[in-house]
Every structure is written in structure tokens, then in C-alpha cells.
Amino acid sequence: MKVLISAFSFALAQEDAADMENSKIFQAIEMDNGRYSNYRNSLDRKYARSQERISSILLRQSKEKQSAVLMCWKCTAENMDTCYEKGEIETCDAGVDSCGLEERRWGGILVGVELGCKTRTKCHSDISANFIATTNQCRPTETGHSICRQCCSSDMCNRGWTIRSESGWQYDYIS
């Protein structure tokens, strides 16, 4: 009987020790859950702050776009294909109301293009200089050096733009 009581006492002691260990484990889990909850709340706050920052940046850019009237394709390259591939969108400043195209040729062969935002005044000046008798800068089909300039006035109108004739260089696309 003593052995049976001893075994029973030992079993109860083991059970109490297991209950205490389980209690410690549950306390640790509750502490971890609290830490996890705090960590999760911290992440939620950081995420919310970053979303607010992104929203404010987008709102600012939207306001800037509303004040800037025009977007043009911007690049400097040896030909229009390269310009099309490597160029980027340029948001023009307020008051800049045209997209420019400049082609440089040597002996009738295209050797460079430049595209970007330009004021209407500068465009009219450049276009008129294309065929002024004293300078006659634009000679796209002749030998020698030629610089032809043209402008347009709608979003991205200069992207991939190619002018095939002298009359295309003379035409006023922005009036």
C-alpha cells in the first residue's frame, strides 16, 4: 500500500510539475502574442505612414501636372528609333506650350535628333530659320550639313515624328 501511495504521490507531483510547466508555457505564449501584437501594430502604423507619403507625392505630382500644360518626348540620339527606345516623358514647365523636334543631317543622311519641350516663341523662330535665304539651315535632301526644326502642340506629339519633305519642315503645326 505504501508503494501504491508513493506512486500516486509521485504521479500527482509529476502532474503538478507539468501543470506548472504548461502554465509557464502559456504565459510565455501570451507574452509572445502581446509582443507580436505590438510588432504587428507597429508594422501597421509604418505601412499607414508610407501610404500617406505615397498619396501626398501622387497628389503633388497630380497638381504639378495640372499646372504644366504639356508633356513631350525628350531625347538626344543618333536616329529616331534610338530616340524612341531611350527617350523619356518630359513634363513641360508652365508657359512652355510646344514640343520640339530637331534633325541634323549630313549629306542627306540623318546623324542626330533632339526632342523636348520648347516655347511657342522659340518654335516660331526656329521654324522661320529653316528656310531663311541668308542661312537656309534646313536642307534635308542636299549635301552638306542640315539642321531642320519643327514643333507641335499636343501631348507627346513629337514622339516618333518623322517629316519626309521640305514642305513638312515649312508647315506651321503650332499656330
Protein backbone atom coordinates (compact mmCIF):
# COMPACT_ATOMS: atom_id res chain seq x y z
CA MET A 1 0.00 0.00 0.00
CA LYS A 2 2.87 2.35 0.80
CA VAL A 3 4.26 1.73 -2.64
CA LEU A 4 0.90 2.49 -4.19
CA ILE A 5 0.55 5.77 -2.22
CA SER A 6 4.13 6.70 -3.09
CA ALA A 7 3.47 6.03 -6.77
CA PHE A 8 0.24 8.03 -6.56
CA SER A 9 2.04 10.93 -4.79
CA PHE A 10 4.81 10.80 -7.36
CA ALA A 11 2.25 10.88 -10.19
CA LEU A 12 0.48 13.85 -8.59
CA ALA A 13 3.79 15.67 -8.15
CA GLN A 14 4.62 14.99 -11.79
CA GLU A 15 1.19 16.27 -12.81
CA ASP A 16 1.65 19.44 -10.70
CA ALA A 17 5.09 19.98 -12.25
CA ALA A 18 3.59 19.50 -15.74
CA ASP A 19 0.76 21.92 -14.91
CA MET A 20 3.32 24.49 -13.70
CA GLU A 21 5.40 23.97 -16.86
CA ASN A 22 2.27 24.29 -19.01
CA SER A 23 1.33 27.44 -17.12
CA LYS A 24 4.80 28.90 -17.82
CA ILE A 25 4.45 27.96 -21.48
CA PHE A 26 1.02 29.60 -21.69
CA GLN A 27 2.39 32.74 -20.00
CA ALA A 28 5.27 32.81 -22.47
CA ILE A 29 2.84 32.37 -25.38
CA GLU A 30 0.67 35.19 -24.04
CA MET A 31 3.77 37.40 -23.74
CA ASP A 32 4.84 36.45 -27.27
CA ASN A 33 1.32 37.18 -28.51
CA GLY A 34 1.50 40.58 -26.84
CA ARG A 35 4.90 41.25 -28.41
CA TYR A 36 3.64 40.01 -31.76
CA SER A 37 0.55 42.18 -31.41
CA ASN A 38 2.75 45.21 -30.61
CA TYR A 39 5.05 44.34 -33.51
CA ARG A 40 2.07 43.92 -35.84
CA ASN A 41 0.59 47.26 -34.70
CA SER A 42 3.96 48.91 -35.31
CA LEU A 43 4.07 47.47 -38.83
CA ASP A 44 0.50 48.63 -39.46
CA ARG A 45 1.41 52.16 -38.36
CA LYS A 46 4.54 52.19 -40.56
CA TYR A 47 2.51 50.91 -43.53
CA ALA A 48 -0.15 53.58 -42.98
CA ARG A 49 2.52 56.32 -42.80
CA SER A 50 4.18 55.09 -46.01
CA GLN A 51 0.78 55.02 -47.75
CA GLU A 52 0.16 58.61 -46.62
CA ARG A 53 3.57 59.63 -48.00
CA ILE A 54 2.88 57.92 -51.34
CA SER A 55 -0.55 59.56 -51.53
CA SER A 56 0.90 63.00 -50.84
CA ILE A 57 3.59 62.51 -53.52
CA LEU A 58 0.98 61.42 -56.06
CA LEU A 59 -1.27 64.34 -55.15
CA ARG A 60 1.64 66.78 -55.52
CA GLN A 61 2.56 65.30 -58.91
CA SER A 62 -1.06 65.49 -60.00
CA LYS A 63 -1.19 69.18 -59.06
CA GLU A 64 2.10 69.77 -60.88
CA LYS A 65 0.73 68.06 -63.97
CA GLN A 66 -2.37 70.28 -63.88
CA SER A 67 -0.20 73.40 -63.79
CA ALA A 68 2.11 72.06 -66.52
CA VAL A 69 0.10 72.13 -69.70
CA LEU A 70 2.06 69.74 -71.87
CA MET A 71 4.09 66.51 -71.90
CA CYS A 72 6.66 65.94 -74.65
CA TRP A 73 9.03 63.16 -75.59
CA LYS A 74 12.61 64.07 -74.62
CA CYS A 75 15.75 62.56 -76.06
CA THR A 76 19.01 63.20 -77.83
CA ALA A 77 20.05 60.36 -80.13
CA GLU A 78 21.56 59.48 -83.48
CA ASN A 79 18.22 58.45 -85.01
CA MET A 80 14.51 58.33 -84.25
CA ASP A 81 14.46 54.59 -83.43
CA THR A 82 17.08 55.04 -80.70
CA CYS A 83 15.29 58.16 -79.51
CA TYR A 84 12.04 56.20 -79.30
CA GLU A 85 13.71 53.44 -77.27
CA LYS A 86 15.85 55.54 -74.91
CA GLY A 87 13.84 58.73 -74.55
CA GLU A 88 11.54 59.66 -71.71
CA ILE A 89 8.46 61.72 -70.98
CA GLU A 90 9.22 65.33 -70.09
CA THR A 91 6.63 67.38 -68.24
CA CYS A 92 6.94 70.91 -69.60
CA ASP A 93 7.04 73.91 -67.29
CA ALA A 94 4.02 76.18 -67.18
CA GLY A 95 4.17 78.55 -70.13
CA VAL A 96 6.06 76.06 -72.30
CA ASP A 97 3.42 75.10 -74.80
CA SER A 98 5.14 73.17 -77.61
CA CYS A 99 7.12 70.01 -78.26
CA GLY A 100 10.18 70.46 -80.46
CA LEU A 101 11.93 68.25 -82.98
CA GLU A 102 15.38 68.97 -84.38
CA GLU A 103 17.00 66.82 -87.04
CA ARG A 104 20.64 67.06 -88.07
CA ARG A 105 21.70 65.58 -91.38
CA TRP A 106 24.99 65.29 -93.23
CA GLY A 107 24.76 64.72 -96.97
CA GLY A 108 21.08 63.85 -96.63
CA ILE A 109 21.79 61.14 -94.01
CA LEU A 110 20.28 61.53 -90.55
CA VAL A 111 23.04 61.85 -87.93
CA GLY A 112 21.14 63.16 -84.88
CA VAL A 113 17.78 64.08 -83.41
CA GLU A 114 16.81 66.10 -80.36
CA LEU A 115 13.30 66.25 -78.92
CA GLY A 116 11.84 68.05 -75.91
CA CYS A 117 9.74 70.93 -74.59
CA LYS A 118 10.02 74.35 -76.28
CA THR A 119 8.22 77.66 -76.03
CA ARG A 120 5.96 78.64 -78.90
CA THR A 121 8.06 81.77 -79.50
CA LYS A 122 11.27 79.73 -79.82
CA CYS A 123 9.48 77.28 -82.14
CA HIS A 124 8.30 80.03 -84.49
CA SER A 125 11.81 81.48 -84.55
CA ASP A 126 13.38 78.07 -85.27
CA ILE A 127 10.85 77.17 -87.98
CA SER A 128 11.33 80.51 -89.73
CA ALA A 129 15.12 79.96 -89.67
CA ASN A 130 14.72 76.65 -91.50
CA PHE A 131 14.46 78.35 -94.91
CA ILE A 132 15.68 81.93 -94.49
CA ALA A 133 17.60 82.71 -97.66
CA THR A 134 20.70 84.00 -95.85
CA THR A 135 21.16 80.99 -93.56
CA ASN A 136 18.94 78.28 -95.12
CA GLN A 137 19.77 75.85 -92.29
CA CYS A 138 17.26 73.19 -93.35
CA ARG A 139 18.45 71.29 -96.43
CA PRO A 140 17.32 67.72 -95.69
CA THR A 141 17.94 66.35 -99.18
CA GLU A 142 21.13 68.22 -100.15
CA THR A 143 24.80 67.60 -99.49
CA GLY A 144 26.48 69.29 -96.57
CA HIS A 145 25.22 69.99 -93.09
CA SER A 146 21.49 70.50 -92.44
CA ILE A 147 19.58 71.41 -89.28
CA CYS A 148 15.79 71.32 -89.54
CA ARG A 149 13.48 72.25 -86.64
CA GLN A 150 9.76 71.80 -86.20
CA CYS A 151 7.23 71.91 -83.33
CA CYS A 152 3.79 70.59 -82.45
CA SER A 153 1.47 71.39 -79.59
CA SER A 154 -0.27 68.31 -78.18
CA ASP A 155 0.88 65.79 -75.57
CA MET A 156 3.64 63.52 -76.88
CA CYS A 157 3.15 64.76 -80.47
CA ASN A 158 6.91 64.69 -81.15
CA ARG A 159 7.43 61.03 -80.18
CA GLY A 160 8.43 59.08 -83.26
CA TRP A 161 7.68 62.06 -85.50
CA THR A 162 9.37 61.97 -88.90
CA ILE A 163 9.00 64.68 -91.51
CA ARG A 164 9.52 63.39 -95.02
CA SER A 165 9.52 66.54 -97.16
CA GLU A 166 10.71 70.13 -97.23
CA SER A 167 7.09 71.28 -97.14
CA GLY A 168 6.72 69.37 -93.84
CA TRP A 169 9.55 71.43 -92.40
CA GLN A 170 7.92 74.65 -93.65
CA TYR A 171 4.43 73.93 -92.34
CA ASP A 172 3.37 75.65 -89.09
CA TYR A 173 1.95 72.86 -86.88
CA ILE A 174 1.50 75.06 -83.81
CA SER A 175 -0.47 78.14 -84.98
